[in-house]
Each structure stands twice: as C-alpha cells, then as structure tokens.
C-alpha cells in the first residue's frame, strides 16, 4: 500500500542527532500511513550502520558522496510516491501530534506547503517563516531573529505574537517543510544550484509562482536544535551561505546581485565563496 506521507531526512555526519530525530518520529508517528526515508550523503561517522541497526522499516538511500541538501531531498522525492512529503532536518525532534496537525492543515486549507512553529530545546520560538527575500525583508528578518534570541521581555512578547497565529507567508523553513508532491513535482522539486541554504525559500517562491499558498501554522510544533546540522560542515558553512545567497539574488532579483557581490567582497568573503565547488563536500 502506498503511504499517504513520506518523511525525508537528509543526513551528513549527524549520527546522534539523526537517531534522536528518528526516535522522535517513532515515538510520535503520524496517524496516516507513512514511510521514513533517510538519504545519507556519504557520511563517515557510522550513520549508515546505526540506521541499519535501528530499524529495517526505514528506507535508507546511501549516496557515495555529499551532493547537497536540496539534491539529496530530490533523490528521495524521486524514489518515493506518497502524495504528501515532509522534508525534515536531522537536528529536529517531532513532538506529540505535530505531524497530524501539520498534515491536517495542509489537507484542510488548500495550501501546497506548510511549516510548523519551530522552537529550540528550551521552548523558545524561532522565526521560521518570512517574506520573499529582498534587502528590506532581510533587514526585518535580522531584527526579528535578534528579538527571538533576546532576553528582553518586550522582545520575547513580540516574537511570541509573531508565531502565535496561523498565516499565509512567502516561505517556511526547510527544517520542517510539508509539501504536496504534485505541487513540488510541477516546479521541478528543489533547485540543485543551492548546495546548502536558500533552497527552501526558492522552492516556496516557485510554488507561489504557480498560484500555490504557503502556510505557517503554530498548531504544530517541532523542536529545532538550530545549527547542529550546520556544525557537520565546519568553517565552510558561512561560505556556502554566501554562495547560495548570491545565487538566489542572481535568479530572483538580478538587479541587487552586483551590490551583494560588492558587499561580500568588502567584507572579505568573496574569495572564500568563489573557491567553493558546486558539488563539494558540505551539507546537512
């Protein structure tokens, strides 16, 4: 029987976090028939053996090298068939009823993609949605992210307000992104020019361009141990971010790309970015 939901987790050298993530899915599984697919991007930390020992029901796709986050998810997309697909970071923990709430909102609202409220290990929320990338929207996002990290009571009330209401947004975080397979397939899945970062914003932009609605819903909550999957790639994380950031602007707002390139050069980050290969080693 074809499952109603495929849960995809792309892994690169995050064995312990991955196992905790898989345990949380097993502890709080969705009520719909589902399949868990792990794509291992050439890990060297024993992840593959640990997955095999954990559960034979998990579909494991072993890749010989790290092809990136978006490309890894695309491999799983093409190797599965459920009408709903959940892209889930290895550094997340599913909570009670979260997956049922998320799938229900996708079913009942007509949205083609949905993301939950993400919180850290202490329960503090993060800003996991936003407007289409532009210099102004990025400034607003930075302000909100700083408010989310602040100990100031007013800032924390502001962030709590932002994440307490269900709303239609331009994008939701790829740390936990539920999407209609039909809609994702229609736009060609993830754009693989993004090795790491911005692939979630780009996918949501493509879905919206075809008339799809993107939903942020606090009715589902998932723990995100932010930065843990990034830690697996070490110092190249910032360079990968810059490369994807520039690629996004070149694709969606080419008029701003030269200014971004100049800004990176002035900050001494252009050389590091340009040394990266399109298909290099890092990815979550």
C-alpha atoms as a PDB file:
ATOM      1  CA  UNK A   1       0.000   0.000   0.000  1.00  0.00           C
ATOM      2  CA  UNK A   2       1.336   3.432  -0.954  1.00  0.00           C
ATOM      3  CA  UNK A   3       1.766   5.575   2.162  1.00  0.00           C
ATOM      4  CA  UNK A   4      -0.004   8.917   2.478  1.00  0.00           C
ATOM      5  CA  UNK A   5       3.146  10.605   3.776  1.00  0.00           C
ATOM      6  CA  UNK A   6       6.846  10.256   3.033  1.00  0.00           C
ATOM      7  CA  UNK A   7       9.169  11.694   5.698  1.00  0.00           C
ATOM      8  CA  UNK A   8      12.567  12.550   4.225  1.00  0.00           C
ATOM      9  CA  UNK A   9      15.642  13.162   6.375  1.00  0.00           C
ATOM     10  CA  UNK A  10      18.917  14.061   4.632  1.00  0.00           C
ATOM     11  CA  UNK A  11      21.964  13.274   6.756  1.00  0.00           C
ATOM     12  CA  UNK A  12      25.631  14.155   6.650  1.00  0.00           C
ATOM     13  CA  UNK A  13      27.702  13.160   9.681  1.00  0.00           C
ATOM     14  CA  UNK A  14      24.983  13.921  12.259  1.00  0.00           C
ATOM     15  CA  UNK A  15      24.522  10.368  13.564  1.00  0.00           C
ATOM     16  CA  UNK A  16      23.451  11.137  17.125  1.00  0.00           C
ATOM     17  CA  UNK A  17      21.040  13.894  16.130  1.00  0.00           C
ATOM     18  CA  UNK A  18      19.691  11.739  13.316  1.00  0.00           C
ATOM     19  CA  UNK A  19      18.968   8.838  15.661  1.00  0.00           C
ATOM     20  CA  UNK A  20      17.234  11.185  18.107  1.00  0.00           C
ATOM     21  CA  UNK A  21      15.145  12.567  15.239  1.00  0.00           C
ATOM     22  CA  UNK A  22      14.151   9.077  14.079  1.00  0.00           C
ATOM     23  CA  UNK A  23      13.321   8.083  17.666  1.00  0.00           C
ATOM     24  CA  UNK A  24      11.025  11.099  17.968  1.00  0.00           C
ATOM     25  CA  UNK A  25       9.170  10.092  14.787  1.00  0.00           C
ATOM     26  CA  UNK A  26       8.773   6.571  16.144  1.00  0.00           C
ATOM     27  CA  UNK A  27       7.557   7.938  19.477  1.00  0.00           C
ATOM     28  CA  UNK A  28       5.058  10.369  17.929  1.00  0.00           C
ATOM     29  CA  UNK A  29       4.236   8.942  14.500  1.00  0.00           C
ATOM     30  CA  UNK A  30       1.552  10.401  12.253  1.00  0.00           C
ATOM     31  CA  UNK A  31      -1.738   8.534  12.213  1.00  0.00           C
ATOM     32  CA  UNK A  32      -1.667   8.293   8.407  1.00  0.00           C
ATOM     33  CA  UNK A  33       0.272   5.519   6.692  1.00  0.00           C
ATOM     34  CA  UNK A  34       3.815   6.770   6.248  1.00  0.00           C
ATOM     35  CA  UNK A  35       7.342   5.872   5.221  1.00  0.00           C
ATOM     36  CA  UNK A  36      10.573   7.273   6.633  1.00  0.00           C
ATOM     37  CA  UNK A  37      13.336   7.785   4.067  1.00  0.00           C
ATOM     38  CA  UNK A  38      16.886   8.641   5.129  1.00  0.00           C
ATOM     39  CA  UNK A  39      19.268   9.903   2.475  1.00  0.00           C
ATOM     40  CA  UNK A  40      22.846   9.604   3.658  1.00  0.00           C
ATOM     41  CA  UNK A  41      25.169  11.999   1.871  1.00  0.00           C
ATOM     42  CA  UNK A  42      28.344   9.967   2.191  1.00  0.00           C
ATOM     43  CA  UNK A  43      28.695  10.169   5.982  1.00  0.00           C
ATOM     44  CA  UNK A  44      31.846   8.874   7.654  1.00  0.00           C
ATOM     45  CA  UNK A  45      30.603   8.882  11.261  1.00  0.00           C
ATOM     46  CA  UNK A  46      28.871   5.495  11.323  1.00  0.00           C
ATOM     47  CA  UNK A  47      25.448   6.909  10.482  1.00  0.00           C
ATOM     48  CA  UNK A  48      24.624   4.204   7.940  1.00  0.00           C
ATOM     49  CA  UNK A  49      25.410   1.311  10.277  1.00  0.00           C
ATOM     50  CA  UNK A  50      23.462   2.983  13.081  1.00  0.00           C
ATOM     51  CA  UNK A  51      20.388   3.374  10.865  1.00  0.00           C
ATOM     52  CA  UNK A  52      20.548  -0.243   9.734  1.00  0.00           C
ATOM     53  CA  UNK A  53      20.733  -1.381  13.343  1.00  0.00           C
ATOM     54  CA  UNK A  54      17.893   0.910  14.401  1.00  0.00           C
ATOM     55  CA  UNK A  55      15.035  -0.225  12.177  1.00  0.00           C
ATOM     56  CA  UNK A  56      14.693  -2.272   8.985  1.00  0.00           C
ATOM     57  CA  UNK A  57      11.494  -0.334   8.213  1.00  0.00           C
ATOM     58  CA  UNK A  58      13.437   2.838   7.465  1.00  0.00           C
ATOM     59  CA  UNK A  59      14.200   3.199   3.763  1.00  0.00           C
ATOM     60  CA  UNK A  60      17.890   4.034   3.524  1.00  0.00           C
ATOM     61  CA  UNK A  61      19.388   5.615   0.415  1.00  0.00           C
ATOM     62  CA  UNK A  62      23.181   5.621   0.533  1.00  0.00           C
ATOM     63  CA  UNK A  63      24.958   8.119  -1.677  1.00  0.00           C
ATOM     64  CA  UNK A  64      28.697   7.760  -2.320  1.00  0.00           C
ATOM     65  CA  UNK A  65      29.361  11.470  -1.805  1.00  0.00           C
ATOM     66  CA  UNK A  66      27.733  14.585  -0.488  1.00  0.00           C
ATOM     67  CA  UNK A  67      25.526  16.020  -3.234  1.00  0.00           C
ATOM     68  CA  UNK A  68      23.892  18.711  -1.099  1.00  0.00           C
ATOM     69  CA  UNK A  69      20.694  19.218   0.850  1.00  0.00           C
ATOM     70  CA  UNK A  70      18.306  20.009  -1.982  1.00  0.00           C
ATOM     71  CA  UNK A  71      19.727  17.366  -4.307  1.00  0.00           C
ATOM     72  CA  UNK A  72      19.606  14.774  -1.527  1.00  0.00           C
ATOM     73  CA  UNK A  73      15.946  15.511  -0.925  1.00  0.00           C
ATOM     74  CA  UNK A  74      15.289  15.296  -4.648  1.00  0.00           C
ATOM     75  CA  UNK A  75      16.735  11.778  -4.727  1.00  0.00           C
ATOM     76  CA  UNK A  76      14.241  10.739  -2.041  1.00  0.00           C
ATOM     77  CA  UNK A  77      11.377  12.549  -3.783  1.00  0.00           C
ATOM     78  CA  UNK A  78      12.025  10.609  -6.955  1.00  0.00           C
ATOM     79  CA  UNK A  79      12.320   7.325  -5.068  1.00  0.00           C
ATOM     80  CA  UNK A  80       9.011   7.619  -3.214  1.00  0.00           C
ATOM     81  CA  UNK A  81       5.371   8.131  -4.109  1.00  0.00           C
ATOM     82  CA  UNK A  82       3.238   9.442  -1.214  1.00  0.00           C
ATOM     83  CA  UNK A  83       1.033  12.454  -2.055  1.00  0.00           C
ATOM     84  CA  UNK A  84       2.461  14.405   0.885  1.00  0.00           C
ATOM     85  CA  UNK A  85       6.180  14.791   1.576  1.00  0.00           C
ATOM     86  CA  UNK A  86       7.739  16.063   4.784  1.00  0.00           C
ATOM     87  CA  UNK A  87      11.278  17.422   4.498  1.00  0.00           C
ATOM     88  CA  UNK A  88      12.787  17.190   7.977  1.00  0.00           C
ATOM     89  CA  UNK A  89      16.218  18.223   9.245  1.00  0.00           C
ATOM     90  CA  UNK A  90      18.216  15.656  11.171  1.00  0.00           C
ATOM     91  CA  UNK A  91      18.534  18.177  14.024  1.00  0.00           C
ATOM     92  CA  UNK A  92      14.796  18.277  14.711  1.00  0.00           C
ATOM     93  CA  UNK A  93      12.599  16.443  17.213  1.00  0.00           C
ATOM     94  CA  UNK A  94       8.968  15.712  16.449  1.00  0.00           C
ATOM     95  CA  UNK A  95       6.538  16.421  19.300  1.00  0.00           C
ATOM     96  CA  UNK A  96       3.223  14.812  20.192  1.00  0.00           C
ATOM     97  CA  UNK A  97       0.562  15.236  17.459  1.00  0.00           C
ATOM     98  CA  UNK A  98       2.790  17.628  15.476  1.00  0.00           C
ATOM     99  CA  UNK A  99       2.736  15.574  12.289  1.00  0.00           C
ATOM    100  CA  UNK A 100      -1.013  15.003  12.454  1.00  0.00           C
ATOM    101  CA  UNK A 101      -1.626  18.714  12.973  1.00  0.00           C
ATOM    102  CA  UNK A 102       0.647  19.656  10.097  1.00  0.00           C
ATOM    103  CA  UNK A 103      -0.847  17.192   7.609  1.00  0.00           C
ATOM    104  CA  UNK A 104      -4.375  18.178   8.660  1.00  0.00           C
ATOM    105  CA  UNK A 105      -3.694  21.846   7.946  1.00  0.00           C
ATOM    106  CA  UNK A 106      -2.319  21.009   4.503  1.00  0.00           C
ATOM    107  CA  UNK A 107      -5.433  18.932   3.808  1.00  0.00           C
ATOM    108  CA  UNK A 108      -7.961  21.444   5.120  1.00  0.00           C
ATOM    109  CA  UNK A 109      -6.621  24.813   3.957  1.00  0.00           C
ATOM    110  CA  UNK A 110      -5.805  24.200   0.323  1.00  0.00           C
ATOM    111  CA  UNK A 111      -2.180  25.185   0.862  1.00  0.00           C
ATOM    112  CA  UNK A 112       0.514  23.357  -1.124  1.00  0.00           C
ATOM    113  CA  UNK A 113       3.160  23.673   1.608  1.00  0.00           C
ATOM    114  CA  UNK A 114       3.117  24.182   5.362  1.00  0.00           C
ATOM    115  CA  UNK A 115       5.601  24.673   8.159  1.00  0.00           C
ATOM    116  CA  UNK A 116       5.149  24.404  11.938  1.00  0.00           C
ATOM    117  CA  UNK A 117       6.271  26.632  14.760  1.00  0.00           C
ATOM    118  CA  UNK A 118       9.891  25.746  15.449  1.00  0.00           C
ATOM    119  CA  UNK A 119      11.263  26.046  18.976  1.00  0.00           C
ATOM    120  CA  UNK A 120      14.659  25.382  20.491  1.00  0.00           C
ATOM    121  CA  UNK A 121      15.409  22.850  23.217  1.00  0.00           C
ATOM    122  CA  UNK A 122      14.207  25.311  25.885  1.00  0.00           C
ATOM    123  CA  UNK A 123      10.929  26.014  24.104  1.00  0.00           C
ATOM    124  CA  UNK A 124      11.951  29.446  22.824  1.00  0.00           C
ATOM    125  CA  UNK A 125      10.452  30.017  19.353  1.00  0.00           C
ATOM    126  CA  UNK A 126      12.453  30.890  16.287  1.00  0.00           C
ATOM    127  CA  UNK A 127      11.299  32.893  13.280  1.00  0.00           C
ATOM    128  CA  UNK A 128      10.756  30.095  10.775  1.00  0.00           C
ATOM    129  CA  UNK A 129       8.857  31.959   8.066  1.00  0.00           C
ATOM    130  CA  UNK A 130       9.184  35.218   6.204  1.00  0.00           C
ATOM    131  CA  UNK A 131       8.636  37.394   3.164  1.00  0.00           C
ATOM    132  CA  UNK A 132      10.308  36.919  -0.195  1.00  0.00           C
ATOM    133  CA  UNK A 133      13.988  37.808   0.081  1.00  0.00           C
ATOM    134  CA  UNK A 134      14.882  41.427  -0.599  1.00  0.00           C
ATOM    135  CA  UNK A 135      17.262  43.809   1.169  1.00  0.00           C
ATOM    136  CA  UNK A 136      14.343  45.225   3.178  1.00  0.00           C
ATOM    137  CA  UNK A 137      12.820  41.859   4.098  1.00  0.00           C
ATOM    138  CA  UNK A 138      16.249  40.603   5.163  1.00  0.00           C
ATOM    139  CA  UNK A 139      16.709  43.592   7.470  1.00  0.00           C
ATOM    140  CA  UNK A 140      13.319  42.852   9.013  1.00  0.00           C
ATOM    141  CA  UNK A 141      14.225  39.187   9.371  1.00  0.00           C
ATOM    142  CA  UNK A 142      17.510  40.040  11.100  1.00  0.00           C
ATOM    143  CA  UNK A 143      15.636  42.285  13.522  1.00  0.00           C
ATOM    144  CA  UNK A 144      13.147  39.510  14.281  1.00  0.00           C
ATOM    145  CA  UNK A 145      15.861  36.901  14.725  1.00  0.00           C
ATOM    146  CA  UNK A 146      17.687  39.133  17.171  1.00  0.00           C
ATOM    147  CA  UNK A 147      14.449  39.661  19.051  1.00  0.00           C
ATOM    148  CA  UNK A 148      13.981  35.877  19.168  1.00  0.00           C
ATOM    149  CA  UNK A 149      17.422  35.485  20.721  1.00  0.00           C
ATOM    150  CA  UNK A 150      16.982  38.360  23.165  1.00  0.00           C
ATOM    151  CA  UNK A 151      16.319  38.016  26.873  1.00  0.00           C
ATOM    152  CA  UNK A 152      14.330  41.260  26.824  1.00  0.00           C
ATOM    153  CA  UNK A 153      10.728  40.691  27.922  1.00  0.00           C
ATOM    154  CA  UNK A 154       9.266  43.060  25.300  1.00  0.00           C
ATOM    155  CA  UNK A 155      11.242  41.373  22.518  1.00  0.00           C
ATOM    156  CA  UNK A 156      10.111  37.947  23.635  1.00  0.00           C
ATOM    157  CA  UNK A 157       6.449  39.035  23.743  1.00  0.00           C
ATOM    158  CA  UNK A 158       6.857  40.432  20.231  1.00  0.00           C
ATOM    159  CA  UNK A 159       8.255  37.153  18.929  1.00  0.00           C
ATOM    160  CA  UNK A 160       5.574  35.131  20.742  1.00  0.00           C
ATOM    161  CA  UNK A 161       2.964  37.249  18.975  1.00  0.00           C
ATOM    162  CA  UNK A 162       4.591  36.664  15.583  1.00  0.00           C
ATOM    163  CA  UNK A 163       4.492  32.880  15.953  1.00  0.00           C
ATOM    164  CA  UNK A 164       1.134  32.533  17.698  1.00  0.00           C
ATOM    165  CA  UNK A 165      -1.114  32.987  14.662  1.00  0.00           C
ATOM    166  CA  UNK A 166      -1.601  30.861  11.577  1.00  0.00           C
ATOM    167  CA  UNK A 167      -0.902  32.871   8.448  1.00  0.00           C
ATOM    168  CA  UNK A 168      -0.152  32.683   4.760  1.00  0.00           C
ATOM    169  CA  UNK A 169       3.517  33.524   4.161  1.00  0.00           C
ATOM    170  CA  UNK A 170       6.031  33.650   1.327  1.00  0.00           C
ATOM    171  CA  UNK A 171       8.206  30.863   2.705  1.00  0.00           C
ATOM    172  CA  UNK A 172       8.604  28.473   5.627  1.00  0.00           C
ATOM    173  CA  UNK A 173      11.806  26.898   6.894  1.00  0.00           C
ATOM    174  CA  UNK A 174      13.110  23.760   5.223  1.00  0.00           C
ATOM    175  CA  UNK A 175      14.000  22.418   8.671  1.00  0.00           C
ATOM    176  CA  UNK A 176      10.428  21.088   8.683  1.00  0.00           C
ATOM    177  CA  UNK A 177       8.544  21.602   5.449  1.00  0.00           C
ATOM    178  CA  UNK A 178       5.452  19.653   4.424  1.00  0.00           C
ATOM    179  CA  UNK A 179       4.657  19.890   0.729  1.00  0.00           C
ATOM    180  CA  UNK A 180       2.253  18.439  -1.791  1.00  0.00           C
ATOM    181  CA  UNK A 181       4.143  16.028  -4.032  1.00  0.00           C
ATOM    182  CA  UNK A 182       2.100  17.096  -7.035  1.00  0.00           C
ATOM    183  CA  UNK A 183       2.898  20.772  -6.481  1.00  0.00           C
ATOM    184  CA  UNK A 184       6.601  20.164  -5.777  1.00  0.00           C
ATOM    185  CA  UNK A 185       6.955  17.922  -8.823  1.00  0.00           C
ATOM    186  CA  UNK A 186       5.267  20.535 -11.010  1.00  0.00           C
ATOM    187  CA  UNK A 187       8.010  23.068 -10.209  1.00  0.00           C
ATOM    188  CA  UNK A 188      10.862  20.600 -10.609  1.00  0.00           C
ATOM    189  CA  UNK A 189      11.492  19.936  -6.886  1.00  0.00           C
ATOM    190  CA  UNK A 190      14.423  21.702  -5.207  1.00  0.00           C
ATOM    191  CA  UNK A 191      16.720  23.777  -7.405  1.00  0.00           C
ATOM    192  CA  UNK A 192      20.049  21.976  -7.066  1.00  0.00           C
ATOM    193  CA  UNK A 193      22.133  25.088  -7.696  1.00  0.00           C
ATOM    194  CA  UNK A 194      21.708  25.663  -3.934  1.00  0.00           C
ATOM    195  CA  UNK A 195      24.047  23.222  -2.268  1.00  0.00           C
ATOM    196  CA  UNK A 196      23.054  24.448   1.172  1.00  0.00           C
ATOM    197  CA  UNK A 197      20.775  27.348   2.251  1.00  0.00           C
ATOM    198  CA  UNK A 198      18.004  29.245   0.418  1.00  0.00           C
ATOM    199  CA  UNK A 199      16.634  26.127  -1.271  1.00  0.00           C
ATOM    200  CA  UNK A 200      13.508  26.309   0.916  1.00  0.00           C
ATOM    201  CA  UNK A 201      12.813  29.965   0.049  1.00  0.00           C
ATOM    202  CA  UNK A 202      13.409  29.205  -3.630  1.00  0.00           C
ATOM    203  CA  UNK A 203      11.042  26.212  -3.626  1.00  0.00           C
ATOM    204  CA  UNK A 204       8.313  28.222  -1.912  1.00  0.00           C
ATOM    205  CA  UNK A 205       8.786  31.019  -4.473  1.00  0.00           C
ATOM    206  CA  UNK A 206       8.332  28.506  -7.281  1.00  0.00           C
ATOM    207  CA  UNK A 207       5.196  27.100  -5.648  1.00  0.00           C
ATOM    208  CA  UNK A 208       3.732  30.582  -5.223  1.00  0.00           C
ATOM    209  CA  UNK A 209       4.535  31.457  -8.839  1.00  0.00           C
ATOM    210  CA  UNK A 210       2.124  28.699  -9.842  1.00  0.00           C
ATOM    211  CA  UNK A 211      -0.583  30.021  -7.546  1.00  0.00           C
ATOM    212  CA  UNK A 212       0.216  27.824  -4.538  1.00  0.00           C
ATOM    213  CA  UNK A 213      -0.310  29.007  -0.967  1.00  0.00           C
ATOM    214  CA  UNK A 214       2.330  28.599   1.752  1.00  0.00           C
ATOM    215  CA  UNK A 215       1.094  28.231   5.320  1.00  0.00           C
ATOM    216  CA  UNK A 216       2.782  28.826   8.656  1.00  0.00           C
ATOM    217  CA  UNK A 217       0.843  27.105  11.448  1.00  0.00           C
ATOM    218  CA  UNK A 218       1.579  27.156  15.183  1.00  0.00           C
ATOM    219  CA  UNK A 219      -0.932  24.328  15.614  1.00  0.00           C
ATOM    220  CA  UNK A 220       2.059  22.047  15.016  1.00  0.00           C
ATOM    221  CA  UNK A 221       5.296  22.470  16.949  1.00  0.00           C
ATOM    222  CA  UNK A 222       8.677  20.862  16.262  1.00  0.00           C
ATOM    223  CA  UNK A 223      11.911  21.223  18.215  1.00  0.00           C
ATOM    224  CA  UNK A 224      14.814  22.504  16.127  1.00  0.00           C
ATOM    225  CA  UNK A 225      18.272  22.150  17.637  1.00  0.00           C
ATOM    226  CA  UNK A 226      19.375  25.000  15.428  1.00  0.00           C
ATOM    227  CA  UNK A 227      22.859  24.896  13.982  1.00  0.00           C
ATOM    228  CA  UNK A 228      23.603  21.259  14.786  1.00  0.00           C
ATOM    229  CA  UNK A 229      23.354  20.085  11.180  1.00  0.00           C
ATOM    230  CA  UNK A 230      25.386  23.118  10.094  1.00  0.00           C
ATOM    231  CA  UNK A 231      28.096  22.096  12.538  1.00  0.00           C
ATOM    232  CA  UNK A 232      28.848  18.994  10.490  1.00  0.00           C
ATOM    233  CA  UNK A 233      30.301  21.116   7.686  1.00  0.00           C
ATOM    234  CA  UNK A 234      32.523  23.262   9.889  1.00  0.00           C
ATOM    235  CA  UNK A 235      34.009  26.540   8.686  1.00  0.00           C
ATOM    236  CA  UNK A 236      32.587  26.214   5.170  1.00  0.00           C
ATOM    237  CA  UNK A 237      29.063  26.907   6.403  1.00  0.00           C
ATOM    238  CA  UNK A 238      29.406  30.685   6.022  1.00  0.00           C
ATOM    239  CA  UNK A 239      30.905  30.366   2.554  1.00  0.00           C
ATOM    240  CA  UNK A 240      28.099  28.060   1.463  1.00  0.00           C
ATOM    241  CA  UNK A 241      25.561  30.546   2.804  1.00  0.00           C
ATOM    242  CA  UNK A 242      27.151  33.381   0.824  1.00  0.00           C
ATOM    243  CA  UNK A 243      27.247  31.340  -2.371  1.00  0.00           C
ATOM    244  CA  UNK A 244      23.589  30.329  -2.104  1.00  0.00           C
ATOM    245  CA  UNK A 245      22.559  33.821  -1.060  1.00  0.00           C
ATOM    246  CA  UNK A 246      24.178  35.313  -4.139  1.00  0.00           C
ATOM    247  CA  UNK A 247      22.746  32.603  -6.396  1.00  0.00           C
ATOM    248  CA  UNK A 248      19.271  33.383  -5.064  1.00  0.00           C
ATOM    249  CA  UNK A 249      19.568  37.076  -5.888  1.00  0.00           C
ATOM    250  CA  UNK A 250      21.045  36.331  -9.319  1.00  0.00           C
ATOM    251  CA  UNK A 251      17.986  34.184 -10.047  1.00  0.00           C
ATOM    252  CA  UNK A 252      15.192  36.213  -8.463  1.00  0.00           C
ATOM    253  CA  UNK A 253      16.448  39.812  -8.192  1.00  0.00           C
ATOM    254  CA  UNK A 254      19.435  40.192 -10.524  1.00  0.00           C
ATOM    255  CA  UNK A 255      19.472  43.955 -10.107  1.00  0.00           C
ATOM    256  CA  UNK A 256      20.583  43.557  -6.498  1.00  0.00           C
ATOM    257  CA  UNK A 257      23.182  40.854  -7.169  1.00  0.00           C
ATOM    258  CA  UNK A 258      26.112  43.204  -8.032  1.00  0.00           C
ATOM    259  CA  UNK A 259      25.581  45.121  -4.791  1.00  0.00           C
ATOM    260  CA  UNK A 260      25.537  41.881  -2.802  1.00  0.00           C
ATOM    261  CA  UNK A 261      28.682  40.711  -4.566  1.00  0.00           C
ATOM    262  CA  UNK A 262      30.383  44.027  -3.722  1.00  0.00           C
ATOM    263  CA  UNK A 263      29.255  43.840  -0.098  1.00  0.00           C
ATOM    264  CA  UNK A 264      30.707  40.345   0.234  1.00  0.00           C
ATOM    265  CA  UNK A 265      33.976  41.480  -1.336  1.00  0.00           C
ATOM    266  CA  UNK A 266      34.247  44.444   1.027  1.00  0.00           C
ATOM    267  CA  UNK A 267      33.758  42.094   3.957  1.00  0.00           C
ATOM    268  CA  UNK A 268      36.475  39.770   2.640  1.00  0.00           C
ATOM    269  CA  UNK A 269      34.045  36.938   1.978  1.00  0.00           C
ATOM    270  CA  UNK A 270      34.081  36.843  -1.815  1.00  0.00           C
ATOM    271  CA  UNK A 271      37.311  34.851  -2.155  1.00  0.00           C
ATOM    272  CA  UNK A 272      36.189  32.116   0.229  1.00  0.00           C
ATOM    273  CA  UNK A 273      32.849  31.853  -1.559  1.00  0.00           C
ATOM    274  CA  UNK A 274      34.379  31.656  -5.027  1.00  0.00           C
ATOM    275  CA  UNK A 275      36.650  28.765  -4.010  1.00  0.00           C
ATOM    276  CA  UNK A 276      33.688  26.506  -3.311  1.00  0.00           C
ATOM    277  CA  UNK A 277      32.754  23.877  -5.851  1.00  0.00           C
ATOM    278  CA  UNK A 278      29.156  23.473  -6.898  1.00  0.00           C
ATOM    279  CA  UNK A 279      29.228  19.838  -5.784  1.00  0.00           C
ATOM    280  CA  UNK A 280      31.586  19.969  -2.854  1.00  0.00           C
ATOM    281  CA  UNK A 281      31.509  18.174   0.432  1.00  0.00           C
ATOM    282  CA  UNK A 282      29.389  20.102   2.914  1.00  0.00           C
ATOM    283  CA  UNK A 283      25.679  19.667   3.502  1.00  0.00           C
ATOM    284  CA  UNK A 284      23.459  18.678   6.398  1.00  0.00           C
END
